[in-house]
Amino acid sequence: MKLENTKAQMRKGVLEYCILLVCKDQPVYAVNVISGLRDANLIVVEGTIYPLLTRLKNDGLLSYRWEESTQGPPRKYYELTEKGMVFLAELEESWGELVSAVTRVKANRA
């Protein structure tokens, strides 16, 4: 049980970063965000993603626009704002530093 809890906390810690990465190159529909995370084995439930998308939008990191759909109701597409791009670049730098630090710790344990 402890391992699963730790793994869940680790995934939760990088989820915001991964959502911004999924939104980086083009506007994406929330379902695309979910499938992008699932494809990377970051298993998430919709109830987790929608509040995060709203928070990222409220923080000015994402914007959205409604687009008509031929397969049902209009869809909300998310994309990075200028502020979001700057924030993502900072997160990418921090992620690189973290991966480097963990790699050093692993290498020095022998």
N, C-alpha and C. Protein backbone atom coordinates (compact mmCIF):
# COMPACT_ATOMS: atom_id res chain seq x y z
N MET A 1 0.82 -1.21 0.00
CA MET A 1 0.00 0.00 0.00
C MET A 1 0.85 1.26 0.00
N LYS A 2 1.94 1.26 0.75
CA LYS A 2 2.80 2.43 0.83
C LYS A 2 3.38 2.77 -0.54
N LEU A 3 3.80 1.75 -1.29
CA LEU A 3 4.38 1.98 -2.62
C LEU A 3 3.37 2.66 -3.54
N GLU A 4 2.15 2.17 -3.56
CA GLU A 4 1.12 2.76 -4.42
C GLU A 4 0.86 4.21 -4.04
N ASN A 5 0.83 4.52 -2.77
CA ASN A 5 0.61 5.88 -2.31
C ASN A 5 1.77 6.78 -2.75
N THR A 6 2.99 6.29 -2.60
CA THR A 6 4.16 7.07 -3.02
C THR A 6 4.14 7.31 -4.52
N LYS A 7 3.82 6.28 -5.28
CA LYS A 7 3.75 6.43 -6.74
C LYS A 7 2.67 7.45 -7.13
N ALA A 8 1.53 7.39 -6.45
CA ALA A 8 0.44 8.34 -6.74
C ALA A 8 0.88 9.76 -6.44
N GLN A 9 1.60 9.96 -5.33
CA GLN A 9 2.08 11.29 -4.98
C GLN A 9 3.10 11.80 -6.00
N MET A 10 3.96 10.91 -6.49
CA MET A 10 4.94 11.31 -7.49
C MET A 10 4.24 11.74 -8.78
N ARG A 11 3.23 10.97 -9.21
CA ARG A 11 2.48 11.32 -10.42
C ARG A 11 1.77 12.64 -10.24
N LYS A 12 1.16 12.82 -9.08
CA LYS A 12 0.43 14.06 -8.80
C LYS A 12 1.37 15.26 -8.87
N GLY A 13 2.60 15.06 -8.41
CA GLY A 13 3.57 16.15 -8.40
C GLY A 13 3.98 16.62 -9.79
N VAL A 14 3.92 15.74 -10.78
CA VAL A 14 4.35 16.12 -12.13
C VAL A 14 3.16 16.31 -13.09
N LEU A 15 1.96 16.13 -12.60
CA LEU A 15 0.79 16.20 -13.46
C LEU A 15 0.61 17.57 -14.11
N GLU A 16 0.77 18.63 -13.36
CA GLU A 16 0.63 19.98 -13.90
C GLU A 16 1.64 20.21 -15.03
N TYR A 17 2.87 19.81 -14.79
CA TYR A 17 3.93 19.93 -15.80
C TYR A 17 3.54 19.16 -17.06
N CYS A 18 3.07 17.92 -16.90
CA CYS A 18 2.71 17.10 -18.05
C CYS A 18 1.52 17.66 -18.82
N ILE A 19 0.55 18.23 -18.12
CA ILE A 19 -0.59 18.86 -18.80
C ILE A 19 -0.11 20.01 -19.67
N LEU A 20 0.77 20.83 -19.12
CA LEU A 20 1.31 21.95 -19.91
C LEU A 20 2.10 21.44 -21.11
N LEU A 21 2.82 20.34 -20.95
CA LEU A 21 3.55 19.77 -22.08
C LEU A 21 2.60 19.30 -23.17
N VAL A 22 1.49 18.67 -22.78
CA VAL A 22 0.52 18.21 -23.77
C VAL A 22 -0.08 19.38 -24.53
N CYS A 23 -0.25 20.52 -23.86
CA CYS A 23 -0.85 21.70 -24.47
C CYS A 23 0.16 22.58 -25.21
N LYS A 24 1.41 22.19 -25.21
CA LYS A 24 2.49 23.06 -25.67
C LYS A 24 2.41 23.45 -27.15
N ASP A 25 2.16 22.51 -28.03
CA ASP A 25 2.33 22.77 -29.46
C ASP A 25 1.07 23.16 -30.21
N GLN A 26 -0.09 22.85 -29.64
CA GLN A 26 -1.34 23.15 -30.34
C GLN A 26 -2.50 23.13 -29.37
N PRO A 27 -3.60 23.79 -29.72
CA PRO A 27 -4.78 23.72 -28.85
C PRO A 27 -5.25 22.27 -28.74
N VAL A 28 -5.63 21.88 -27.54
CA VAL A 28 -6.08 20.50 -27.32
C VAL A 28 -7.39 20.47 -26.56
N TYR A 29 -8.19 19.51 -26.91
CA TYR A 29 -9.46 19.22 -26.26
C TYR A 29 -9.14 18.45 -24.98
N ALA A 30 -9.92 18.60 -23.95
CA ALA A 30 -9.64 17.95 -22.67
C ALA A 30 -9.46 16.43 -22.82
N VAL A 31 -10.23 15.82 -23.70
CA VAL A 31 -10.09 14.38 -23.92
C VAL A 31 -8.70 14.06 -24.47
N ASN A 32 -8.14 14.95 -25.29
CA ASN A 32 -6.79 14.75 -25.80
C ASN A 32 -5.76 14.83 -24.68
N VAL A 33 -6.00 15.71 -23.73
CA VAL A 33 -5.10 15.83 -22.57
C VAL A 33 -5.13 14.51 -21.80
N ILE A 34 -6.32 14.02 -21.53
CA ILE A 34 -6.47 12.77 -20.77
C ILE A 34 -5.81 11.62 -21.52
N SER A 35 -6.06 11.49 -22.81
CA SER A 35 -5.48 10.37 -23.55
C SER A 35 -3.96 10.51 -23.66
N GLY A 36 -3.45 11.73 -23.77
CA GLY A 36 -2.01 11.94 -23.80
C GLY A 36 -1.35 11.50 -22.50
N LEU A 37 -2.00 11.77 -21.40
CA LEU A 37 -1.47 11.35 -20.10
C LEU A 37 -1.58 9.84 -19.93
N ARG A 38 -2.70 9.27 -20.37
CA ARG A 38 -2.87 7.82 -20.27
C ARG A 38 -1.87 7.09 -21.17
N ASP A 39 -1.62 7.63 -22.36
CA ASP A 39 -0.64 7.02 -23.27
C ASP A 39 0.75 6.97 -22.64
N ALA A 40 1.03 7.91 -21.74
CA ALA A 40 2.32 7.96 -21.05
C ALA A 40 2.27 7.19 -19.73
N ASN A 41 1.20 6.43 -19.52
CA ASN A 41 1.01 5.66 -18.29
C ASN A 41 0.86 6.52 -17.04
N LEU A 42 0.42 7.75 -17.22
CA LEU A 42 0.04 8.59 -16.09
C LEU A 42 -1.47 8.46 -15.96
N ILE A 43 -1.89 7.35 -15.41
CA ILE A 43 -3.31 7.05 -15.32
C ILE A 43 -4.00 8.10 -14.46
N VAL A 44 -4.96 8.76 -15.06
CA VAL A 44 -5.69 9.81 -14.35
C VAL A 44 -7.17 9.64 -14.63
N VAL A 45 -7.96 10.16 -13.72
CA VAL A 45 -9.41 10.15 -13.92
C VAL A 45 -9.84 11.55 -14.34
N GLU A 46 -10.92 11.61 -15.08
CA GLU A 46 -11.39 12.90 -15.57
C GLU A 46 -11.64 13.88 -14.45
N GLY A 47 -12.11 13.38 -13.32
CA GLY A 47 -12.38 14.25 -12.18
C GLY A 47 -11.16 14.95 -11.64
N THR A 48 -9.97 14.46 -11.98
CA THR A 48 -8.72 15.09 -11.57
C THR A 48 -8.29 16.15 -12.58
N ILE A 49 -8.50 15.87 -13.85
CA ILE A 49 -7.99 16.74 -14.91
C ILE A 49 -8.77 18.03 -15.04
N TYR A 50 -10.09 17.97 -15.02
CA TYR A 50 -10.88 19.17 -15.25
C TYR A 50 -10.61 20.27 -14.21
N PRO A 51 -10.55 19.95 -12.92
CA PRO A 51 -10.20 21.01 -11.96
C PRO A 51 -8.79 21.57 -12.19
N LEU A 52 -7.85 20.70 -12.59
CA LEU A 52 -6.49 21.19 -12.87
C LEU A 52 -6.48 22.12 -14.08
N LEU A 53 -7.20 21.77 -15.13
CA LEU A 53 -7.29 22.64 -16.30
C LEU A 53 -7.89 23.99 -15.91
N THR A 54 -8.92 23.98 -15.09
CA THR A 54 -9.54 25.23 -14.64
C THR A 54 -8.56 26.05 -13.82
N ARG A 55 -7.82 25.40 -12.92
CA ARG A 55 -6.85 26.13 -12.10
C ARG A 55 -5.74 26.73 -12.97
N LEU A 56 -5.25 25.96 -13.94
CA LEU A 56 -4.21 26.47 -14.84
C LEU A 56 -4.73 27.65 -15.66
N LYS A 57 -6.01 27.59 -16.04
CA LYS A 57 -6.61 28.72 -16.76
C LYS A 57 -6.75 29.92 -15.84
N ASN A 58 -7.21 29.71 -14.62
CA ASN A 58 -7.37 30.80 -13.66
C ASN A 58 -6.03 31.43 -13.28
N ASP A 59 -4.96 30.63 -13.33
CA ASP A 59 -3.61 31.15 -13.06
C ASP A 59 -3.01 31.87 -14.26
N GLY A 60 -3.75 31.89 -15.38
CA GLY A 60 -3.28 32.58 -16.57
C GLY A 60 -2.29 31.79 -17.40
N LEU A 61 -2.15 30.48 -17.13
CA LEU A 61 -1.19 29.66 -17.86
C LEU A 61 -1.81 29.03 -19.10
N LEU A 62 -3.12 28.84 -19.07
CA LEU A 62 -3.86 28.30 -20.21
C LEU A 62 -5.00 29.25 -20.55
N SER A 63 -5.36 29.25 -21.81
CA SER A 63 -6.59 29.92 -22.24
C SER A 63 -7.42 28.85 -22.94
N TYR A 64 -8.67 29.16 -23.19
CA TYR A 64 -9.48 28.20 -23.93
C TYR A 64 -10.40 28.94 -24.88
N ARG A 65 -10.86 28.17 -25.85
CA ARG A 65 -11.85 28.69 -26.79
C ARG A 65 -12.83 27.57 -27.10
N TRP A 66 -14.05 27.96 -27.36
CA TRP A 66 -15.08 26.98 -27.72
C TRP A 66 -15.05 26.78 -29.23
N GLU A 67 -15.21 25.55 -29.65
CA GLU A 67 -15.24 25.25 -31.07
C GLU A 67 -16.40 24.30 -31.34
N GLU A 68 -17.17 24.60 -32.37
CA GLU A 68 -18.29 23.73 -32.72
C GLU A 68 -17.77 22.35 -33.11
N SER A 69 -18.57 21.33 -32.79
CA SER A 69 -18.20 19.96 -33.10
C SER A 69 -19.27 19.33 -33.98
N THR A 70 -18.84 18.53 -34.94
CA THR A 70 -19.81 17.81 -35.77
C THR A 70 -20.34 16.59 -35.05
N GLN A 71 -19.74 16.25 -33.90
CA GLN A 71 -20.11 15.04 -33.16
C GLN A 71 -20.73 15.35 -31.80
N GLY A 72 -21.45 16.42 -31.70
CA GLY A 72 -22.09 16.73 -30.43
C GLY A 72 -21.96 18.20 -30.07
N PRO A 73 -21.96 18.48 -28.77
CA PRO A 73 -21.91 19.87 -28.31
C PRO A 73 -20.55 20.51 -28.60
N PRO A 74 -20.47 21.84 -28.51
CA PRO A 74 -19.19 22.52 -28.71
C PRO A 74 -18.13 22.00 -27.75
N ARG A 75 -16.88 22.07 -28.19
CA ARG A 75 -15.77 21.58 -27.38
C ARG A 75 -14.89 22.74 -26.93
N LYS A 76 -14.35 22.58 -25.74
CA LYS A 76 -13.45 23.59 -25.19
C LYS A 76 -12.01 23.14 -25.48
N TYR A 77 -11.28 23.97 -26.23
CA TYR A 77 -9.89 23.68 -26.56
C TYR A 77 -8.97 24.58 -25.74
N TYR A 78 -7.96 23.96 -25.14
CA TYR A 78 -7.01 24.67 -24.28
C TYR A 78 -5.71 24.89 -25.02
N GLU A 79 -5.07 26.03 -24.73
CA GLU A 79 -3.73 26.28 -25.26
C GLU A 79 -2.95 27.14 -24.27
N LEU A 80 -1.63 27.03 -24.38
CA LEU A 80 -0.76 27.80 -23.50
C LEU A 80 -0.85 29.28 -23.81
N THR A 81 -0.86 30.08 -22.79
CA THR A 81 -0.75 31.53 -22.96
C THR A 81 0.74 31.88 -22.99
N GLU A 82 1.04 33.12 -23.22
CA GLU A 82 2.44 33.57 -23.17
C GLU A 82 3.02 33.30 -21.78
N LYS A 83 2.25 33.62 -20.76
CA LYS A 83 2.67 33.36 -19.38
C LYS A 83 2.89 31.85 -19.17
N GLY A 84 2.01 31.04 -19.76
CA GLY A 84 2.14 29.59 -19.66
C GLY A 84 3.40 29.08 -20.32
N MET A 85 3.78 29.68 -21.44
CA MET A 85 5.01 29.27 -22.14
C MET A 85 6.24 29.56 -21.29
N VAL A 86 6.24 30.74 -20.66
CA VAL A 86 7.35 31.11 -19.78
C VAL A 86 7.41 30.16 -18.59
N PHE A 87 6.24 29.89 -17.99
CA PHE A 87 6.18 29.01 -16.84
C PHE A 87 6.63 27.60 -17.21
N LEU A 88 6.20 27.11 -18.38
CA LEU A 88 6.60 25.78 -18.83
C LEU A 88 8.11 25.71 -19.04
N ALA A 89 8.70 26.75 -19.61
CA ALA A 89 10.15 26.77 -19.79
C ALA A 89 10.86 26.69 -18.44
N GLU A 90 10.33 27.38 -17.45
CA GLU A 90 10.91 27.32 -16.10
C GLU A 90 10.75 25.93 -15.50
N LEU A 91 9.59 25.32 -15.71
CA LEU A 91 9.37 23.96 -15.21
C LEU A 91 10.31 22.97 -15.89
N GLU A 92 10.51 23.15 -17.19
CA GLU A 92 11.42 22.25 -17.92
C GLU A 92 12.83 22.34 -17.37
N GLU A 93 13.27 23.54 -17.05
CA GLU A 93 14.59 23.73 -16.45
C GLU A 93 14.64 23.06 -15.07
N SER A 94 13.62 23.27 -14.27
CA SER A 94 13.57 22.67 -12.93
C SER A 94 13.52 21.15 -13.03
N TRP A 95 12.77 20.62 -13.98
CA TRP A 95 12.69 19.18 -14.17
C TRP A 95 14.06 18.61 -14.53
N GLY A 96 14.76 19.29 -15.43
CA GLY A 96 16.11 18.85 -15.81
C GLY A 96 17.05 18.82 -14.62
N GLU A 97 16.96 19.84 -13.78
CA GLU A 97 17.80 19.89 -12.58
C GLU A 97 17.45 18.76 -11.61
N LEU A 98 16.16 18.48 -11.47
CA LEU A 98 15.72 17.42 -10.57
C LEU A 98 16.19 16.05 -11.07
N VAL A 99 16.00 15.80 -12.36
CA VAL A 99 16.45 14.52 -12.93
C VAL A 99 17.95 14.37 -12.77
N SER A 100 18.68 15.43 -13.00
CA SER A 100 20.14 15.40 -12.85
C SER A 100 20.53 15.11 -11.40
N ALA A 101 19.86 15.73 -10.45
CA ALA A 101 20.16 15.52 -9.04
C ALA A 101 19.88 14.08 -8.62
N VAL A 102 18.73 13.54 -9.05
CA VAL A 102 18.39 12.16 -8.70
C VAL A 102 19.39 11.20 -9.34
N THR A 103 19.79 11.49 -10.56
CA THR A 103 20.79 10.65 -11.24
C THR A 103 22.10 10.65 -10.48
N ARG A 104 22.51 11.81 -9.99
CA ARG A 104 23.75 11.89 -9.19
C ARG A 104 23.63 11.11 -7.89
N VAL A 105 22.48 11.22 -7.23
CA VAL A 105 22.29 10.47 -5.97
C VAL A 105 22.36 8.97 -6.26
N LYS A 106 21.71 8.53 -7.34
CA LYS A 106 21.74 7.11 -7.67
C LYS A 106 23.15 6.65 -8.00
N ALA A 107 23.92 7.47 -8.70
CA ALA A 107 25.28 7.11 -9.09
C ALA A 107 26.23 7.07 -7.89
N ASN A 108 25.98 7.89 -6.88
CA ASN A 108 26.87 7.99 -5.71
C ASN A 108 26.52 7.03 -4.59
N ARG A 109 25.54 6.21 -4.78
CA ARG A 109 25.13 5.32 -3.68
C ARG A 109 25.99 4.10 -3.55
N ALA A 110 26.81 3.80 -4.54
CA ALA A 110 27.65 2.59 -4.49
C ALA A 110 28.86 2.78 -3.62
